[in-house]
Amino acid sequence: MKEKVYKLIELTGTSTKSIEEAVNTALTRAGKTIHNLDWFQIVETRGSIDKKQVKLWQVTIKVGFAVE
C-alpha cells in the first residue's frame, strides 16, 4: 500500500440556510479545480444577523486532499 501525502487548504463557505450547506458550498466549489478531496475539519463558524435573525452562515473549513 502506498502511503498518502496530503495538502491542506482553508476555505470559507457561505449559506443563507444552514451550516451544513455552507460547508457543502465550499466543498463543491473546491471540487471543480481540486482533485482527491478526502476530508475536512470545521475551524470556525460565524454568521451575520439582520432583524434579530441569522442572515448568512459563514463556515471556515480545512480541507485535505491527496497529492498525486
N, C-alpha and C. Protein backbone atom coordinates (compact mmCIF):
# COMPACT_ATOMS: atom_id res chain seq x y z
N MET A 1 0.84 -1.20 0.00
CA MET A 1 0.00 0.00 0.00
C MET A 1 0.88 1.25 0.00
N LYS A 2 0.59 2.13 -0.88
CA LYS A 2 1.33 3.38 -0.99
C LYS A 2 0.85 4.36 0.08
N GLU A 3 1.78 4.96 0.79
CA GLU A 3 1.44 5.96 1.81
C GLU A 3 1.00 7.25 1.12
N LYS A 4 -0.01 7.89 1.66
CA LYS A 4 -0.53 9.13 1.07
C LYS A 4 0.15 10.35 1.69
N VAL A 5 0.24 11.39 0.90
CA VAL A 5 0.67 12.71 1.37
C VAL A 5 -0.47 13.65 1.07
N TYR A 6 -0.81 14.51 2.04
CA TYR A 6 -1.93 15.42 1.88
C TYR A 6 -1.48 16.87 1.84
N LYS A 7 -2.19 17.66 1.07
CA LYS A 7 -2.05 19.11 1.10
C LYS A 7 -3.28 19.63 1.83
N LEU A 8 -3.10 20.68 2.58
CA LEU A 8 -4.18 21.24 3.38
C LEU A 8 -4.44 22.68 2.94
N ILE A 9 -5.72 22.99 2.68
CA ILE A 9 -6.11 24.35 2.34
C ILE A 9 -7.24 24.79 3.28
N GLU A 10 -7.43 26.08 3.37
CA GLU A 10 -8.51 26.62 4.21
C GLU A 10 -9.48 27.38 3.31
N LEU A 11 -10.77 27.10 3.50
CA LEU A 11 -11.83 27.72 2.70
C LEU A 11 -12.94 28.21 3.62
N THR A 12 -13.69 29.21 3.17
CA THR A 12 -14.88 29.65 3.88
C THR A 12 -16.06 29.60 2.93
N GLY A 13 -17.04 28.78 3.29
CA GLY A 13 -18.26 28.68 2.51
C GLY A 13 -19.37 29.47 3.19
N THR A 14 -20.36 29.88 2.41
CA THR A 14 -21.47 30.65 2.97
C THR A 14 -22.80 30.04 2.55
N SER A 15 -23.82 30.33 3.36
CA SER A 15 -25.18 29.88 3.05
C SER A 15 -26.17 30.71 3.84
N THR A 16 -27.32 30.95 3.25
CA THR A 16 -28.40 31.61 3.96
C THR A 16 -29.27 30.60 4.69
N LYS A 17 -29.04 29.29 4.46
CA LYS A 17 -29.90 28.25 5.03
C LYS A 17 -29.32 27.52 6.23
N SER A 18 -28.05 27.05 6.14
CA SER A 18 -27.53 26.22 7.22
C SER A 18 -26.00 26.13 7.20
N ILE A 19 -25.47 25.67 8.32
CA ILE A 19 -24.03 25.43 8.44
C ILE A 19 -23.62 24.34 7.46
N GLU A 20 -24.39 23.26 7.40
CA GLU A 20 -24.08 22.15 6.51
C GLU A 20 -24.02 22.61 5.05
N GLU A 21 -24.97 23.44 4.65
CA GLU A 21 -24.97 23.94 3.27
C GLU A 21 -23.76 24.83 3.02
N ALA A 22 -23.32 25.59 4.01
CA ALA A 22 -22.13 26.43 3.86
C ALA A 22 -20.90 25.56 3.62
N VAL A 23 -20.79 24.44 4.36
CA VAL A 23 -19.68 23.51 4.15
C VAL A 23 -19.75 22.92 2.74
N ASN A 24 -20.93 22.49 2.33
CA ASN A 24 -21.09 21.90 1.01
C ASN A 24 -20.80 22.91 -0.11
N THR A 25 -21.12 24.17 0.12
CA THR A 25 -20.81 25.21 -0.86
C THR A 25 -19.31 25.28 -1.09
N ALA A 26 -18.54 25.28 0.00
CA ALA A 26 -17.08 25.35 -0.10
C ALA A 26 -16.53 24.10 -0.78
N LEU A 27 -17.02 22.92 -0.40
CA LEU A 27 -16.51 21.67 -0.97
C LEU A 27 -16.87 21.54 -2.45
N THR A 28 -18.07 21.95 -2.82
CA THR A 28 -18.48 21.87 -4.22
C THR A 28 -17.61 22.76 -5.09
N ARG A 29 -17.37 23.97 -4.61
CA ARG A 29 -16.53 24.90 -5.39
C ARG A 29 -15.11 24.38 -5.48
N ALA A 30 -14.54 23.91 -4.39
CA ALA A 30 -13.17 23.39 -4.40
C ALA A 30 -13.05 22.19 -5.33
N GLY A 31 -14.08 21.35 -5.35
CA GLY A 31 -14.07 20.15 -6.18
C GLY A 31 -14.02 20.41 -7.67
N LYS A 32 -14.32 21.64 -8.08
CA LYS A 32 -14.26 21.98 -9.50
C LYS A 32 -12.82 22.05 -10.02
N THR A 33 -11.87 22.37 -9.13
CA THR A 33 -10.48 22.53 -9.57
C THR A 33 -9.49 21.66 -8.80
N ILE A 34 -9.91 21.10 -7.69
CA ILE A 34 -9.00 20.28 -6.88
C ILE A 34 -9.51 18.84 -6.87
N HIS A 35 -8.61 17.91 -7.17
CA HIS A 35 -8.97 16.50 -7.21
C HIS A 35 -8.56 15.83 -5.90
N ASN A 36 -9.12 14.68 -5.64
CA ASN A 36 -8.77 13.84 -4.49
C ASN A 36 -9.13 14.47 -3.14
N LEU A 37 -10.21 15.27 -3.08
CA LEU A 37 -10.66 15.78 -1.79
C LEU A 37 -10.94 14.58 -0.90
N ASP A 38 -10.44 14.62 0.33
CA ASP A 38 -10.51 13.42 1.16
C ASP A 38 -11.17 13.66 2.52
N TRP A 39 -10.98 14.81 3.12
CA TRP A 39 -11.54 15.06 4.45
C TRP A 39 -11.62 16.56 4.70
N PHE A 40 -12.40 16.93 5.72
CA PHE A 40 -12.45 18.34 6.12
C PHE A 40 -12.60 18.43 7.63
N GLN A 41 -12.25 19.59 8.15
CA GLN A 41 -12.37 19.89 9.57
C GLN A 41 -12.95 21.29 9.70
N ILE A 42 -14.00 21.43 10.48
CA ILE A 42 -14.57 22.76 10.72
C ILE A 42 -13.67 23.51 11.69
N VAL A 43 -13.24 24.70 11.28
CA VAL A 43 -12.33 25.51 12.07
C VAL A 43 -13.09 26.61 12.81
N GLU A 44 -14.05 27.22 12.12
CA GLU A 44 -14.76 28.36 12.71
C GLU A 44 -16.15 28.46 12.09
N THR A 45 -17.11 28.82 12.90
CA THR A 45 -18.47 29.07 12.42
C THR A 45 -18.88 30.46 12.89
N ARG A 46 -19.40 31.23 11.98
CA ARG A 46 -19.87 32.57 12.34
C ARG A 46 -21.00 32.95 11.39
N GLY A 47 -21.60 34.07 11.62
CA GLY A 47 -22.69 34.49 10.75
C GLY A 47 -23.00 35.95 10.91
N SER A 48 -23.89 36.41 10.07
CA SER A 48 -24.35 37.79 10.19
C SER A 48 -25.83 37.79 10.56
N ILE A 49 -26.25 38.88 11.16
CA ILE A 49 -27.61 39.00 11.70
C ILE A 49 -28.33 40.16 11.02
N ASP A 50 -29.60 39.94 10.73
CA ASP A 50 -30.44 41.00 10.20
C ASP A 50 -31.81 40.88 10.86
N LYS A 51 -32.26 41.92 11.51
CA LYS A 51 -33.56 41.94 12.18
C LYS A 51 -33.72 40.77 13.15
N LYS A 52 -32.67 40.56 13.97
CA LYS A 52 -32.66 39.54 15.01
C LYS A 52 -32.71 38.11 14.49
N GLN A 53 -32.42 37.92 13.20
CA GLN A 53 -32.42 36.59 12.58
C GLN A 53 -31.08 36.35 11.89
N VAL A 54 -30.71 35.08 11.79
CA VAL A 54 -29.50 34.73 11.04
C VAL A 54 -29.71 35.09 9.58
N LYS A 55 -28.83 35.91 9.06
CA LYS A 55 -28.91 36.31 7.66
C LYS A 55 -28.01 35.43 6.79
N LEU A 56 -26.81 35.12 7.28
CA LEU A 56 -25.85 34.37 6.50
C LEU A 56 -24.92 33.58 7.40
N TRP A 57 -24.79 32.28 7.13
CA TRP A 57 -23.82 31.43 7.82
C TRP A 57 -22.50 31.50 7.07
N GLN A 58 -21.40 31.58 7.82
CA GLN A 58 -20.05 31.51 7.25
C GLN A 58 -19.31 30.42 8.01
N VAL A 59 -18.82 29.41 7.30
CA VAL A 59 -18.12 28.30 7.94
C VAL A 59 -16.75 28.16 7.30
N THR A 60 -15.71 28.27 8.12
CA THR A 60 -14.34 28.09 7.64
C THR A 60 -13.94 26.65 7.91
N ILE A 61 -13.42 26.00 6.87
CA ILE A 61 -13.00 24.61 6.99
C ILE A 61 -11.57 24.45 6.48
N LYS A 62 -10.90 23.46 7.01
CA LYS A 62 -9.64 22.99 6.44
C LYS A 62 -9.97 21.75 5.64
N VAL A 63 -9.46 21.68 4.43
CA VAL A 63 -9.74 20.56 3.54
C VAL A 63 -8.43 19.89 3.17
N GLY A 64 -8.40 18.57 3.34
CA GLY A 64 -7.22 17.80 2.96
C GLY A 64 -7.48 17.04 1.68
N PHE A 65 -6.49 17.05 0.81
CA PHE A 65 -6.59 16.26 -0.41
C PHE A 65 -5.26 15.59 -0.71
N ALA A 66 -5.34 14.41 -1.27
CA ALA A 66 -4.14 13.63 -1.55
C ALA A 66 -3.35 14.25 -2.70
N VAL A 67 -2.05 14.36 -2.50
CA VAL A 67 -1.16 14.85 -3.55
C VAL A 67 -0.82 13.68 -4.45
N GLU A 68 -0.96 13.88 -5.74
CA GLU A 68 -0.66 12.80 -6.70
C GLU A 68 0.81 12.65 -6.93
